[in-house]
Amino acid sequence: MRSEPTTTLGRRAIDLLAELERNRESVLIAQLEGIAHGDQAVEDGRTLTQDEAMQRMARWLGQRR
């Protein structure tokens, strides 16, 4: 995996968000797909409590639990 400075990644993220903003249709489709995926997860019983989710996401949120 390639390593890049945080500022480079931040700039790339900003560019990607701006591109998504220009093409709202793609964003809407992605949002609807995400909602459908979440609805299916609930129906399948694949849910977490808030604490469980925070523990799983701690690495990305910069927290230690």
N, C-alpha and C. Protein backbone atom coordinates (compact mmCIF):
# COMPACT_ATOMS: atom_id res chain seq x y z
N MET A 1 0.84 -1.18 0.00
CA MET A 1 0.00 0.00 0.00
C MET A 1 0.88 1.24 0.00
N ARG A 2 0.52 2.20 -0.80
CA ARG A 2 1.27 3.44 -0.93
C ARG A 2 0.94 4.39 0.21
N SER A 3 1.93 5.09 0.69
CA SER A 3 1.74 6.05 1.78
C SER A 3 1.81 7.46 1.22
N GLU A 4 0.88 8.32 1.65
CA GLU A 4 0.86 9.71 1.20
C GLU A 4 0.65 10.62 2.40
N PRO A 5 1.14 11.85 2.31
CA PRO A 5 0.90 12.81 3.40
C PRO A 5 -0.60 13.08 3.56
N THR A 6 -0.99 13.36 4.77
CA THR A 6 -2.40 13.62 5.06
C THR A 6 -2.93 14.78 4.22
N THR A 7 -2.13 15.81 4.00
CA THR A 7 -2.60 16.96 3.22
C THR A 7 -2.93 16.54 1.79
N THR A 8 -2.13 15.64 1.21
CA THR A 8 -2.40 15.16 -0.14
C THR A 8 -3.72 14.40 -0.17
N LEU A 9 -3.92 13.55 0.82
CA LEU A 9 -5.17 12.78 0.89
C LEU A 9 -6.36 13.70 1.11
N GLY A 10 -6.18 14.72 1.93
CA GLY A 10 -7.25 15.68 2.17
C GLY A 10 -7.63 16.41 0.90
N ARG A 11 -6.62 16.85 0.15
CA ARG A 11 -6.90 17.54 -1.11
C ARG A 11 -7.62 16.63 -2.08
N ARG A 12 -7.20 15.36 -2.14
CA ARG A 12 -7.85 14.40 -3.03
C ARG A 12 -9.31 14.18 -2.60
N ALA A 13 -9.54 14.09 -1.31
CA ALA A 13 -10.90 13.92 -0.82
C ALA A 13 -11.77 15.11 -1.19
N ILE A 14 -11.23 16.31 -1.08
CA ILE A 14 -11.96 17.52 -1.45
C ILE A 14 -12.28 17.50 -2.94
N ASP A 15 -11.32 17.09 -3.76
CA ASP A 15 -11.55 16.99 -5.21
C ASP A 15 -12.65 15.98 -5.53
N LEU A 16 -12.61 14.84 -4.85
CA LEU A 16 -13.63 13.82 -5.07
C LEU A 16 -15.02 14.30 -4.67
N LEU A 17 -15.10 14.99 -3.54
CA LEU A 17 -16.39 15.53 -3.09
C LEU A 17 -16.91 16.58 -4.06
N ALA A 18 -16.03 17.41 -4.58
CA ALA A 18 -16.45 18.42 -5.55
C ALA A 18 -16.96 17.75 -6.82
N GLU A 19 -16.29 16.70 -7.24
CA GLU A 19 -16.73 15.95 -8.43
C GLU A 19 -18.11 15.33 -8.20
N LEU A 20 -18.32 14.78 -7.01
CA LEU A 20 -19.62 14.22 -6.70
C LEU A 20 -20.70 15.29 -6.68
N GLU A 21 -20.36 16.45 -6.18
CA GLU A 21 -21.31 17.56 -6.13
C GLU A 21 -21.75 17.95 -7.55
N ARG A 22 -20.81 17.90 -8.49
CA ARG A 22 -21.14 18.26 -9.88
C ARG A 22 -22.07 17.22 -10.50
N ASN A 23 -21.97 15.98 -10.06
CA ASN A 23 -22.77 14.91 -10.65
C ASN A 23 -23.69 14.34 -9.59
N ARG A 24 -24.70 15.08 -9.25
CA ARG A 24 -25.61 14.72 -8.16
C ARG A 24 -26.32 13.39 -8.40
N GLU A 25 -26.57 13.03 -9.64
CA GLU A 25 -27.29 11.79 -9.91
C GLU A 25 -26.53 10.60 -9.35
N SER A 26 -25.23 10.56 -9.52
CA SER A 26 -24.43 9.47 -8.99
C SER A 26 -24.48 9.43 -7.48
N VAL A 27 -24.46 10.59 -6.87
CA VAL A 27 -24.52 10.67 -5.41
C VAL A 27 -25.86 10.13 -4.92
N LEU A 28 -26.93 10.52 -5.56
CA LEU A 28 -28.26 10.07 -5.16
C LEU A 28 -28.36 8.55 -5.28
N ILE A 29 -27.86 8.00 -6.37
CA ILE A 29 -27.89 6.55 -6.56
C ILE A 29 -27.09 5.85 -5.47
N ALA A 30 -25.92 6.37 -5.15
CA ALA A 30 -25.09 5.78 -4.11
C ALA A 30 -25.78 5.86 -2.75
N GLN A 31 -26.44 6.98 -2.48
CA GLN A 31 -27.15 7.14 -1.21
C GLN A 31 -28.30 6.15 -1.12
N LEU A 32 -29.04 5.99 -2.20
CA LEU A 32 -30.16 5.04 -2.19
C LEU A 32 -29.67 3.61 -2.03
N GLU A 33 -28.56 3.29 -2.68
CA GLU A 33 -27.99 1.96 -2.53
C GLU A 33 -27.55 1.72 -1.08
N GLY A 34 -26.98 2.73 -0.46
CA GLY A 34 -26.56 2.63 0.93
C GLY A 34 -27.74 2.42 1.86
N ILE A 35 -28.83 3.14 1.60
CA ILE A 35 -30.04 2.99 2.40
C ILE A 35 -30.61 1.58 2.23
N ALA A 36 -30.67 1.10 0.99
CA ALA A 36 -31.18 -0.24 0.73
C ALA A 36 -30.32 -1.30 1.42
N HIS A 37 -29.01 -1.11 1.38
CA HIS A 37 -28.09 -2.04 2.04
C HIS A 37 -28.35 -2.05 3.55
N GLY A 38 -28.54 -0.89 4.14
CA GLY A 38 -28.83 -0.79 5.56
C GLY A 38 -30.16 -1.41 5.93
N ASP A 39 -31.17 -1.19 5.09
CA ASP A 39 -32.49 -1.80 5.34
C ASP A 39 -32.39 -3.32 5.32
N GLN A 40 -31.63 -3.86 4.37
CA GLN A 40 -31.46 -5.30 4.28
C GLN A 40 -30.71 -5.84 5.49
N ALA A 41 -29.72 -5.10 5.96
CA ALA A 41 -28.97 -5.52 7.15
C ALA A 41 -29.89 -5.61 8.36
N VAL A 42 -30.79 -4.65 8.51
CA VAL A 42 -31.74 -4.66 9.63
C VAL A 42 -32.66 -5.88 9.52
N GLU A 43 -33.17 -6.12 8.31
CA GLU A 43 -34.05 -7.28 8.11
C GLU A 43 -33.32 -8.59 8.42
N ASP A 44 -32.03 -8.65 8.11
CA ASP A 44 -31.24 -9.86 8.34
C ASP A 44 -30.73 -9.96 9.77
N GLY A 45 -31.01 -8.93 10.59
CA GLY A 45 -30.57 -8.95 11.97
C GLY A 45 -29.10 -8.60 12.15
N ARG A 46 -28.50 -8.00 11.13
CA ARG A 46 -27.10 -7.60 11.20
C ARG A 46 -27.00 -6.15 11.68
N THR A 47 -27.22 -5.98 12.97
CA THR A 47 -27.16 -4.64 13.55
C THR A 47 -26.22 -4.64 14.75
N LEU A 48 -25.81 -3.46 15.15
CA LEU A 48 -24.92 -3.28 16.30
C LEU A 48 -25.51 -2.24 17.23
N THR A 49 -25.14 -2.32 18.49
CA THR A 49 -25.48 -1.23 19.41
C THR A 49 -24.53 -0.07 19.11
N GLN A 50 -24.82 1.09 19.67
CA GLN A 50 -23.94 2.25 19.49
C GLN A 50 -22.53 1.94 20.01
N ASP A 51 -22.46 1.31 21.20
CA ASP A 51 -21.16 0.98 21.79
C ASP A 51 -20.38 0.00 20.92
N GLU A 52 -21.06 -1.01 20.38
CA GLU A 52 -20.39 -1.98 19.51
C GLU A 52 -19.86 -1.30 18.25
N ALA A 53 -20.66 -0.41 17.68
CA ALA A 53 -20.23 0.31 16.48
C ALA A 53 -19.02 1.19 16.78
N MET A 54 -19.05 1.88 17.92
CA MET A 54 -17.93 2.74 18.31
C MET A 54 -16.66 1.92 18.52
N GLN A 55 -16.77 0.74 19.10
CA GLN A 55 -15.61 -0.12 19.31
C GLN A 55 -15.03 -0.56 17.97
N ARG A 56 -15.89 -0.93 17.03
CA ARG A 56 -15.41 -1.35 15.71
C ARG A 56 -14.77 -0.20 14.93
N MET A 57 -15.29 1.00 15.13
CA MET A 57 -14.81 2.16 14.38
C MET A 57 -13.71 2.93 15.10
N ALA A 58 -13.32 2.50 16.30
CA ALA A 58 -12.36 3.24 17.11
C ALA A 58 -11.07 3.54 16.34
N ARG A 59 -10.62 2.60 15.55
CA ARG A 59 -9.37 2.79 14.80
C ARG A 59 -9.49 3.99 13.86
N TRP A 60 -10.64 4.14 13.20
CA TRP A 60 -10.83 5.24 12.26
C TRP A 60 -11.25 6.52 12.94
N LEU A 61 -11.85 6.40 14.11
CA LEU A 61 -12.26 7.59 14.84
C LEU A 61 -11.16 8.14 15.74
N GLY A 62 -10.05 7.41 15.83
CA GLY A 62 -8.92 7.87 16.64
C GLY A 62 -9.16 7.71 18.12
N GLN A 63 -9.98 6.76 18.49
CA GLN A 63 -10.30 6.53 19.89
C GLN A 63 -9.81 5.15 20.30
N ARG A 64 -9.55 5.02 21.57
CA ARG A 64 -9.17 3.71 22.12
C ARG A 64 -10.25 3.29 23.10
N ARG A 65 -10.71 2.09 22.95
CA ARG A 65 -11.74 1.58 23.88
C ARG A 65 -11.28 0.27 24.45
